[in-house]
Protein backbone atom coordinates (compact mmCIF):
# COMPACT_ATOMS: atom_id res chain seq x y z
CA MET A 1 -13.84 -5.67 -20.05
CA ARG A 2 -15.31 -6.94 -16.83
CA LEU A 3 -13.81 -10.20 -15.57
CA PRO A 4 -15.13 -12.89 -13.24
CA ASN A 5 -13.81 -12.63 -9.70
CA SER A 6 -12.02 -15.93 -10.21
CA ALA A 7 -9.69 -14.28 -12.75
CA HIS A 8 -8.37 -12.04 -9.97
CA GLU A 9 -8.52 -14.57 -7.18
CA ALA A 10 -6.45 -17.05 -9.20
CA HIS A 11 -3.33 -15.00 -8.43
CA PRO A 12 -1.51 -15.00 -5.07
CA TRP A 13 -1.96 -11.27 -4.52
CA VAL A 14 -0.89 -9.74 -1.24
CA ILE A 15 -4.31 -8.09 -0.95
CA ALA A 16 -5.94 -11.52 -0.58
CA GLN A 17 -3.72 -12.18 2.42
CA ILE A 18 -4.42 -8.94 4.25
CA ALA A 19 -8.10 -8.47 3.34
CA PRO A 20 -9.70 -11.94 3.41
CA ASP A 21 -12.72 -10.45 5.17
CA PHE A 22 -13.39 -8.00 2.31
CA THR A 23 -15.67 -8.66 -0.66
CA LEU A 24 -14.16 -8.52 -4.13
CA LEU A 25 -16.81 -6.31 -5.70
CA ASP A 26 -15.55 -5.79 -9.24
CA VAL A 27 -12.70 -6.97 -11.48
CA TRP A 28 -11.82 -5.30 -14.76
CA ALA A 29 -9.18 -5.93 -17.41
CA LEU A 30 -7.85 -2.49 -18.30
CA PRO A 31 -6.99 -1.52 -21.90
CA VAL A 32 -3.28 -1.35 -21.13
CA GLN A 33 -0.64 -3.87 -22.22
CA SER A 34 3.12 -3.59 -22.23
CA SER A 35 6.32 -5.12 -20.89
CA ARG A 36 7.02 -6.02 -17.27
CA GLU A 37 9.09 -2.85 -16.81
CA GLN A 38 6.17 -0.55 -17.63
CA PHE A 39 4.13 -1.18 -14.48
CA ALA A 40 5.51 1.98 -12.89
CA ALA A 41 4.49 4.08 -15.89
CA PHE A 42 0.99 2.63 -15.76
CA LEU A 43 0.64 3.43 -12.06
CA GLU A 44 1.79 7.01 -12.51
CA GLY A 45 -0.88 7.61 -15.10
CA VAL A 46 -3.75 6.01 -13.18
CA VAL A 47 -3.14 7.53 -9.74
CA SER A 48 -3.01 11.04 -11.22
CA PHE A 49 -6.39 10.69 -12.94
CA ASP A 50 -9.00 13.30 -11.97
CA PRO A 51 -12.70 12.62 -12.79
CA ALA A 52 -13.23 16.38 -13.07
CA ASN A 53 -11.24 16.19 -16.31
CA ALA A 54 -12.96 13.08 -17.67
CA GLU A 55 -14.20 13.16 -21.24
CA SER A 56 -17.60 11.69 -20.29
CA ALA A 57 -20.07 14.35 -19.10
CA ALA A 58 -22.13 11.70 -17.28
CA PHE A 59 -19.01 10.48 -15.51
CA ARG A 60 -18.11 14.00 -14.40
CA ALA A 61 -21.65 14.68 -13.24
CA LEU A 62 -21.80 11.53 -11.11
CA PHE A 63 -18.54 12.29 -9.36
CA SER A 64 -19.59 15.89 -8.80
CA LEU A 65 -22.87 14.71 -7.27
CA ARG A 66 -21.08 12.20 -5.04
CA ARG A 67 -18.64 14.87 -3.86
CA ARG A 68 -21.48 17.25 -2.99
CA LEU A 69 -23.46 14.59 -1.16
CA GLY A 70 -20.37 13.56 0.77
CA ALA A 71 -19.70 17.15 1.79
CA PHE A 72 -23.33 17.79 2.76
CA PHE A 73 -23.70 14.66 4.90
CA GLY A 74 -20.10 14.58 6.14
CA TRP A 75 -19.51 11.11 4.74
CA ASP A 76 -15.91 11.78 3.75
CA ASP A 77 -14.64 13.63 6.81
CA ALA A 78 -10.95 12.69 6.89
CA ALA A 79 -10.70 13.56 10.59
CA LYS A 80 -12.88 10.59 11.52
CA LYS A 81 -11.03 7.43 12.54
CA ARG A 82 -13.50 4.77 11.45
CA PRO A 83 -12.82 1.15 12.37
CA ILE A 84 -12.97 -1.36 9.55
CA PRO A 85 -16.45 -2.93 9.77
CA GLY A 86 -16.30 -5.99 11.97
CA SER A 87 -12.85 -5.05 13.31
CA THR A 88 -11.17 -2.69 15.74
CA GLU A 89 -8.50 -1.77 13.17
CA THR A 90 -8.82 1.53 11.33
CA THR A 91 -6.44 0.60 8.50
CA LEU A 92 -5.21 -2.48 6.69
CA SER A 93 -1.62 -1.30 6.96
CA ALA A 94 -1.24 -3.08 10.30
CA ARG A 95 -1.84 -6.38 8.52
CA LEU A 96 0.98 -5.89 6.03
CA PRO A 97 4.20 -7.91 6.21
CA GLY A 98 7.01 -5.79 7.61
CA ASP A 99 8.87 -5.56 4.31
CA LEU A 100 5.88 -3.96 2.56
CA ARG A 101 5.15 -1.23 5.08
CA GLY A 102 6.03 2.11 3.54
CA SER A 103 6.50 0.52 0.12
CA ALA A 104 3.85 2.69 -1.61
CA LYS A 105 5.58 6.07 -1.30
CA THR A 106 5.72 6.28 -5.09
CA PRO A 107 3.96 7.14 -7.24
CA VAL A 108 2.49 10.08 -5.35
CA ILE A 109 -1.29 9.99 -5.74
CA GLY A 110 -3.04 12.89 -7.43
CA ASP A 111 -5.26 15.56 -5.94
CA PHE A 112 -8.49 13.68 -6.56
CA LEU A 113 -7.45 10.54 -4.70
CA GLN A 114 -6.04 12.67 -1.91
CA ARG A 115 -9.29 14.60 -1.59
CA ALA A 116 -11.19 11.31 -1.58
CA GLY A 117 -9.13 10.22 1.41
CA ALA A 118 -7.22 7.48 -0.41
CA ILE A 119 -4.15 6.22 1.43
CA PRO A 120 -1.61 4.05 -0.46
CA LEU A 121 -1.11 0.70 1.27
CA TYR A 122 1.70 -1.11 -0.49
CA ARG A 123 3.49 -1.68 -3.76
CA THR A 124 5.29 -4.69 -5.20
CA ASP A 125 6.67 -5.45 -8.66
CA ASP A 126 3.18 -6.30 -9.90
CA GLU A 127 0.71 -4.88 -7.35
CA TRP A 128 -0.36 -1.56 -5.89
CA ALA A 129 -3.18 -0.94 -3.45
CA ALA A 130 -4.77 2.01 -1.69
CA GLU A 131 -7.58 2.10 0.87
CA ILE A 132 -10.43 4.55 1.31
CA SER A 133 -12.56 4.82 4.43
CA ASN A 134 -15.75 6.86 4.67
CA ASP A 135 -19.19 6.60 6.25
CA THR A 136 -20.45 4.18 3.60
CA VAL A 137 -17.61 1.70 3.06
CA HIS A 138 -14.04 0.76 3.77
CA GLY A 139 -12.70 0.04 0.31
CA VAL A 140 -9.51 -0.97 -1.46
CA LEU A 141 -8.46 -0.11 -5.00
CA HIS A 142 -6.11 -2.83 -6.23
CA LEU A 143 -4.09 -2.46 -9.43
CA ALA A 144 -2.16 -5.40 -10.80
CA TRP A 145 0.17 -6.24 -13.69
CA VAL A 146 -0.85 -9.65 -15.01
CA GLU A 147 1.44 -11.72 -17.21
CA GLN A 148 -0.06 -12.95 -20.49
CA ARG A 149 0.82 -16.02 -22.54
CA ASP A 150 3.09 -14.08 -24.89
CA GLY A 151 5.20 -12.68 -22.06
CA ARG A 152 3.43 -9.35 -22.19
CA TYR A 153 1.59 -7.84 -19.21
CA ARG A 154 -1.94 -6.49 -18.92
CA ALA A 155 -3.28 -4.10 -16.31
CA GLN A 156 -6.06 -5.34 -14.09
CA MET A 157 -8.16 -3.60 -11.43
CA GLY A 158 -9.95 -5.08 -8.46
CA VAL A 159 -12.21 -3.24 -6.04
CA TYR A 160 -12.66 -4.66 -2.54
CA VAL A 161 -15.19 -3.38 0.00
CA LYS A 162 -16.69 -3.85 3.42
CA VAL A 163 -19.93 -1.94 3.73
CA ARG A 164 -20.49 0.19 6.81
CA GLY A 165 -23.89 -0.60 8.25
CA LYS A 166 -27.27 -0.06 6.62
CA LEU A 167 -26.17 3.22 5.04
CA GLY A 168 -23.32 1.47 3.26
CA ALA A 169 -25.51 -1.40 2.06
CA ILE A 170 -28.17 0.95 0.68
CA TYR A 171 -25.56 3.21 -0.91
CA MET A 172 -23.82 0.33 -2.69
CA MET A 173 -27.14 -1.03 -3.95
CA LEU A 174 -28.16 2.37 -5.35
CA ILE A 175 -24.90 3.06 -7.16
CA ALA A 176 -24.44 -0.43 -8.65
CA PRO A 177 -26.08 0.31 -12.02
CA PHE A 178 -24.23 3.61 -12.36
CA ARG A 179 -20.89 1.90 -11.64
CA HIS A 180 -21.39 -0.73 -14.33
CA LEU A 181 -23.13 1.34 -16.99
CA ILE A 182 -21.35 4.69 -16.70
CA VAL A 183 -18.41 4.88 -14.29
CA TYR A 184 -16.36 1.83 -15.24
CA PRO A 185 -16.85 2.02 -19.03
CA ALA A 186 -15.92 5.72 -19.03
CA LEU A 187 -12.91 5.03 -16.83
CA MET A 188 -11.73 2.23 -19.13
CA ARG A 189 -11.93 4.49 -22.16
CA GLN A 190 -10.07 7.29 -20.39
CA ILE A 191 -7.29 5.00 -19.22
CA GLY A 192 -6.95 3.41 -22.64
CA ARG A 193 -6.76 6.74 -24.46
CA ALA A 194 -4.23 8.12 -21.98
CA TRP A 195 -2.04 5.05 -22.46
CA ASP A 196 -2.34 5.20 -26.23
CA ALA A 197 -1.43 8.90 -26.17
CA ARG A 198 1.62 8.06 -24.09
CA ASP A 199 2.61 5.41 -26.66
CA VAL A 200 2.45 8.02 -29.41
CA ALA A 201 4.42 10.60 -27.44
CA THR A 202 7.12 8.27 -26.06
CA PRO A 203 10.00 6.92 -28.19
CA SER A 204 9.52 3.19 -28.65
CA ALA A 205 12.85 2.17 -27.10
CA ALA A 206 12.09 4.09 -23.91
CA ARG A 207 8.44 3.04 -23.89
CA ASP A 208 8.83 -0.70 -24.23
CA PRO A 209 12.16 -2.54 -24.37
CA GLN A 210 10.49 -5.58 -25.94
CA ARG A 211 9.57 -3.55 -29.00
CA GLY A 212 13.13 -2.39 -29.57
């Protein structure tokens, strides 16, 4: 389900320290819960996701359209070194504490994220972030492992952006209803089903030590 921004901002995430000039666009509680040790397994599943294989036809069509538009207009040209809007920096990695630089080498992101130009930023015991820069926005995908009252953990996703000029502002306005009505709900279902399928396929002791 969608969460208020305050639910994400209540935690002392590293992303808040290195991207205070970014807007927290969306926050979602993902349909994934498990023990503290399962954060790595969650990340491996999410970063390998490919919209081309999504169950929702509308979801696949939207991503196909976005890919074609990006190719036609050159929005996603990876050779471009675009400064972060309002800054001379081209990446948030320079803002990271020294001990987190190079911390996101695993898991290796899948083909889709690579083609989209996503670059992993950092990883901690309960956070992972990657940035994407194109002609419309400089964005950050933030995945977190949030402790619940019963000692379990729930996956949470935050999306941060800085729009790039008028093109970026218009683009974000146009895609807003599609994000909320099609993209995010379909993504939530896909993630939940993939996690449930993993639960069925994985022996309980290996899957979640708390279940025994």
